[in-house]
Amino acid sequence: MNRCFLIGKIISKVEFQFMLDNKKISISKFILQVNNEKIIIKSHNKIADKCYNKLNKNNIVAIEGELDSKMEVIANEIYIL
């Protein structure tokens, strides 16, 4: 995985899912527009809860994360600008 830093505008609703497998996992997902590119952002557990509670469509955010094999960013930290 590659480390990445992005600043962009949220252009979709922040989706939230809660999964019960062997452990509790929360997942959030939204689309970030950076220039003319649309990038899927995912986060897990504590960061997912923060995304669901604090982020809305049209927020400008800075994201620190990792690019996965599906070309989606897994967020490690999110800052509202």
N, C-alpha and C. Protein backbone atom coordinates (compact mmCIF):
# COMPACT_ATOMS: atom_id res chain seq x y z
N MET A 1 0.82 -1.18 0.00
CA MET A 1 0.00 0.00 0.00
C MET A 1 0.87 1.25 0.00
N ASN A 2 0.33 2.29 -0.56
CA ASN A 2 1.03 3.57 -0.65
C ASN A 2 0.36 4.58 0.26
N ARG A 3 1.16 5.39 0.90
CA ARG A 3 0.65 6.45 1.75
C ARG A 3 0.26 7.63 0.88
N CYS A 4 -0.87 8.27 1.19
CA CYS A 4 -1.31 9.40 0.38
C CYS A 4 -1.93 10.48 1.26
N PHE A 5 -1.90 11.70 0.76
CA PHE A 5 -2.48 12.87 1.40
C PHE A 5 -3.35 13.57 0.38
N LEU A 6 -4.62 13.79 0.71
CA LEU A 6 -5.56 14.38 -0.23
C LEU A 6 -6.32 15.52 0.43
N ILE A 7 -6.66 16.53 -0.36
CA ILE A 7 -7.57 17.59 0.07
C ILE A 7 -8.63 17.70 -1.01
N GLY A 8 -9.89 17.63 -0.60
CA GLY A 8 -10.96 17.70 -1.59
C GLY A 8 -12.31 17.93 -0.94
N LYS A 9 -13.34 17.86 -1.79
CA LYS A 9 -14.71 18.12 -1.38
C LYS A 9 -15.50 16.81 -1.40
N ILE A 10 -16.26 16.56 -0.35
CA ILE A 10 -17.11 15.38 -0.29
C ILE A 10 -18.30 15.61 -1.21
N ILE A 11 -18.51 14.70 -2.17
CA ILE A 11 -19.60 14.90 -3.13
C ILE A 11 -20.69 13.83 -3.02
N SER A 12 -20.64 13.02 -1.98
CA SER A 12 -21.69 12.02 -1.77
C SER A 12 -22.08 12.00 -0.30
N LYS A 13 -23.16 11.33 -0.02
CA LYS A 13 -23.58 11.12 1.36
C LYS A 13 -22.57 10.17 2.02
N VAL A 14 -22.28 10.39 3.29
CA VAL A 14 -21.39 9.49 4.02
C VAL A 14 -22.20 8.26 4.43
N GLU A 15 -21.84 7.12 3.86
CA GLU A 15 -22.52 5.86 4.17
C GLU A 15 -21.85 5.21 5.38
N PHE A 16 -22.64 4.52 6.18
CA PHE A 16 -22.12 3.88 7.38
C PHE A 16 -22.68 2.47 7.49
N GLN A 17 -21.81 1.52 7.79
CA GLN A 17 -22.23 0.14 7.99
C GLN A 17 -21.60 -0.38 9.27
N PHE A 18 -22.32 -1.26 9.91
CA PHE A 18 -21.82 -1.89 11.12
C PHE A 18 -21.87 -3.38 10.90
N MET A 19 -20.74 -4.07 11.02
CA MET A 19 -20.68 -5.50 10.75
C MET A 19 -20.28 -6.26 12.01
N LEU A 20 -20.92 -7.39 12.20
CA LEU A 20 -20.56 -8.27 13.30
C LEU A 20 -20.02 -9.57 12.71
N ASP A 21 -18.77 -9.80 12.87
CA ASP A 21 -18.16 -11.06 12.48
C ASP A 21 -17.65 -11.66 13.78
N ASN A 22 -16.37 -11.85 13.89
CA ASN A 22 -15.77 -12.26 15.15
C ASN A 22 -15.57 -11.07 16.06
N LYS A 23 -15.53 -9.87 15.46
CA LYS A 23 -15.42 -8.64 16.23
C LYS A 23 -16.28 -7.57 15.59
N LYS A 24 -16.56 -6.54 16.33
CA LYS A 24 -17.39 -5.45 15.83
C LYS A 24 -16.55 -4.55 14.93
N ILE A 25 -17.07 -4.25 13.75
CA ILE A 25 -16.36 -3.39 12.80
C ILE A 25 -17.36 -2.39 12.22
N SER A 26 -17.02 -1.12 12.30
CA SER A 26 -17.82 -0.10 11.63
C SER A 26 -17.03 0.41 10.43
N ILE A 27 -17.75 0.70 9.35
CA ILE A 27 -17.13 1.12 8.10
C ILE A 27 -17.90 2.31 7.55
N SER A 28 -17.18 3.35 7.16
CA SER A 28 -17.82 4.47 6.47
C SER A 28 -17.21 4.58 5.08
N LYS A 29 -18.01 5.14 4.18
CA LYS A 29 -17.57 5.26 2.78
C LYS A 29 -18.20 6.51 2.18
N PHE A 30 -17.39 7.26 1.41
CA PHE A 30 -17.91 8.41 0.68
C PHE A 30 -16.99 8.70 -0.50
N ILE A 31 -17.45 9.60 -1.37
CA ILE A 31 -16.68 9.96 -2.57
C ILE A 31 -16.13 11.36 -2.38
N LEU A 32 -14.83 11.49 -2.62
CA LEU A 32 -14.12 12.75 -2.51
C LEU A 32 -13.74 13.22 -3.91
N GLN A 33 -14.01 14.49 -4.21
CA GLN A 33 -13.58 15.05 -5.49
C GLN A 33 -12.32 15.87 -5.28
N VAL A 34 -11.27 15.48 -5.99
CA VAL A 34 -9.99 16.18 -5.95
C VAL A 34 -9.72 16.61 -7.38
N ASN A 35 -9.75 17.92 -7.62
CA ASN A 35 -9.69 18.47 -8.99
C ASN A 35 -10.82 17.83 -9.79
N ASN A 36 -10.54 17.12 -10.86
CA ASN A 36 -11.59 16.49 -11.65
C ASN A 36 -11.68 14.98 -11.41
N GLU A 37 -11.00 14.49 -10.42
CA GLU A 37 -10.99 13.06 -10.11
C GLU A 37 -11.92 12.76 -8.94
N LYS A 38 -12.61 11.62 -9.01
CA LYS A 38 -13.46 11.15 -7.92
C LYS A 38 -12.79 9.94 -7.28
N ILE A 39 -12.62 10.00 -5.97
CA ILE A 39 -11.90 8.96 -5.25
C ILE A 39 -12.78 8.44 -4.12
N ILE A 40 -12.88 7.12 -4.02
CA ILE A 40 -13.65 6.49 -2.94
C ILE A 40 -12.78 6.46 -1.69
N ILE A 41 -13.35 6.96 -0.60
CA ILE A 41 -12.66 6.98 0.69
C ILE A 41 -13.40 6.04 1.64
N LYS A 42 -12.65 5.15 2.27
CA LYS A 42 -13.22 4.25 3.27
C LYS A 42 -12.47 4.45 4.58
N SER A 43 -13.16 4.18 5.68
CA SER A 43 -12.50 4.22 6.99
C SER A 43 -13.14 3.16 7.88
N HIS A 44 -12.43 2.82 8.93
CA HIS A 44 -12.88 1.76 9.82
C HIS A 44 -12.92 2.24 11.27
N ASN A 45 -13.78 1.62 12.04
CA ASN A 45 -13.91 1.78 13.49
C ASN A 45 -13.96 3.22 13.95
N LYS A 46 -12.98 3.69 14.73
CA LYS A 46 -13.02 5.03 15.32
C LYS A 46 -13.11 6.14 14.26
N ILE A 47 -12.33 6.01 13.19
CA ILE A 47 -12.35 7.02 12.12
C ILE A 47 -13.70 6.97 11.40
N ALA A 48 -14.26 5.77 11.21
CA ALA A 48 -15.58 5.63 10.57
C ALA A 48 -16.66 6.32 11.40
N ASP A 49 -16.61 6.15 12.71
CA ASP A 49 -17.57 6.81 13.58
C ASP A 49 -17.44 8.33 13.48
N LYS A 50 -16.20 8.83 13.45
CA LYS A 50 -15.96 10.27 13.31
C LYS A 50 -16.53 10.78 11.98
N CYS A 51 -16.30 10.03 10.91
CA CYS A 51 -16.82 10.42 9.59
C CYS A 51 -18.34 10.52 9.60
N TYR A 52 -18.99 9.50 10.15
CA TYR A 52 -20.45 9.46 10.16
C TYR A 52 -21.03 10.61 10.99
N ASN A 53 -20.40 10.92 12.12
CA ASN A 53 -20.93 11.93 13.02
C ASN A 53 -20.59 13.37 12.62
N LYS A 54 -19.46 13.58 11.97
CA LYS A 54 -18.97 14.95 11.74
C LYS A 54 -19.01 15.40 10.28
N LEU A 55 -18.98 14.47 9.32
CA LEU A 55 -18.86 14.86 7.92
C LEU A 55 -20.20 14.91 7.21
N ASN A 56 -20.31 15.84 6.28
CA ASN A 56 -21.50 15.99 5.45
C ASN A 56 -21.08 16.24 4.01
N LYS A 57 -22.02 16.04 3.12
CA LYS A 57 -21.79 16.36 1.72
C LYS A 57 -21.39 17.83 1.61
N ASN A 58 -20.44 18.14 0.74
CA ASN A 58 -19.90 19.48 0.47
C ASN A 58 -18.86 19.96 1.47
N ASN A 59 -18.54 19.17 2.51
CA ASN A 59 -17.42 19.52 3.40
C ASN A 59 -16.11 19.43 2.64
N ILE A 60 -15.19 20.34 2.96
CA ILE A 60 -13.82 20.26 2.44
C ILE A 60 -12.99 19.57 3.52
N VAL A 61 -12.28 18.52 3.14
CA VAL A 61 -11.52 17.73 4.12
C VAL A 61 -10.11 17.45 3.62
N ALA A 62 -9.22 17.21 4.58
CA ALA A 62 -7.87 16.72 4.29
C ALA A 62 -7.81 15.30 4.84
N ILE A 63 -7.27 14.40 4.05
CA ILE A 63 -7.23 12.98 4.41
C ILE A 63 -5.82 12.46 4.32
N GLU A 64 -5.43 11.73 5.34
CA GLU A 64 -4.18 10.98 5.34
C GLU A 64 -4.58 9.52 5.33
N GLY A 65 -4.05 8.75 4.37
CA GLY A 65 -4.45 7.37 4.27
C GLY A 65 -3.53 6.54 3.41
N GLU A 66 -4.04 5.37 3.03
CA GLU A 66 -3.28 4.42 2.21
C GLU A 66 -4.13 3.99 1.03
N LEU A 67 -3.51 3.87 -0.11
CA LEU A 67 -4.17 3.44 -1.32
C LEU A 67 -4.17 1.92 -1.35
N ASP A 68 -5.35 1.30 -1.53
CA ASP A 68 -5.39 -0.16 -1.57
C ASP A 68 -5.39 -0.67 -3.01
N SER A 69 -5.49 -1.97 -3.18
CA SER A 69 -5.39 -2.59 -4.51
C SER A 69 -6.58 -2.25 -5.41
N LYS A 70 -7.71 -1.80 -4.85
CA LYS A 70 -8.88 -1.42 -5.63
C LYS A 70 -8.85 0.06 -6.01
N MET A 71 -7.72 0.74 -5.71
CA MET A 71 -7.56 2.17 -5.96
C MET A 71 -8.54 2.99 -5.13
N GLU A 72 -8.84 2.52 -3.93
CA GLU A 72 -9.62 3.25 -2.95
C GLU A 72 -8.70 3.64 -1.81
N VAL A 73 -9.01 4.73 -1.16
CA VAL A 73 -8.16 5.20 -0.06
C VAL A 73 -8.77 4.75 1.27
N ILE A 74 -7.96 4.11 2.08
CA ILE A 74 -8.34 3.75 3.44
C ILE A 74 -7.81 4.85 4.35
N ALA A 75 -8.72 5.63 4.93
CA ALA A 75 -8.34 6.82 5.72
C ALA A 75 -7.81 6.41 7.09
N ASN A 76 -6.67 6.99 7.45
CA ASN A 76 -6.11 6.83 8.79
C ASN A 76 -6.42 8.04 9.66
N GLU A 77 -6.61 9.18 9.02
CA GLU A 77 -6.97 10.42 9.73
C GLU A 77 -7.69 11.34 8.78
N ILE A 78 -8.68 12.07 9.31
CA ILE A 78 -9.47 13.01 8.52
C ILE A 78 -9.59 14.32 9.28
N TYR A 79 -9.35 15.42 8.57
CA TYR A 79 -9.42 16.77 9.15
C TYR A 79 -10.42 17.58 8.35
N ILE A 80 -11.35 18.23 9.05
CA ILE A 80 -12.31 19.10 8.39
C ILE A 80 -11.68 20.48 8.26
N LEU A 81 -11.68 21.04 7.04
CA LEU A 81 -11.07 22.35 6.79
C LEU A 81 -12.13 23.44 6.72
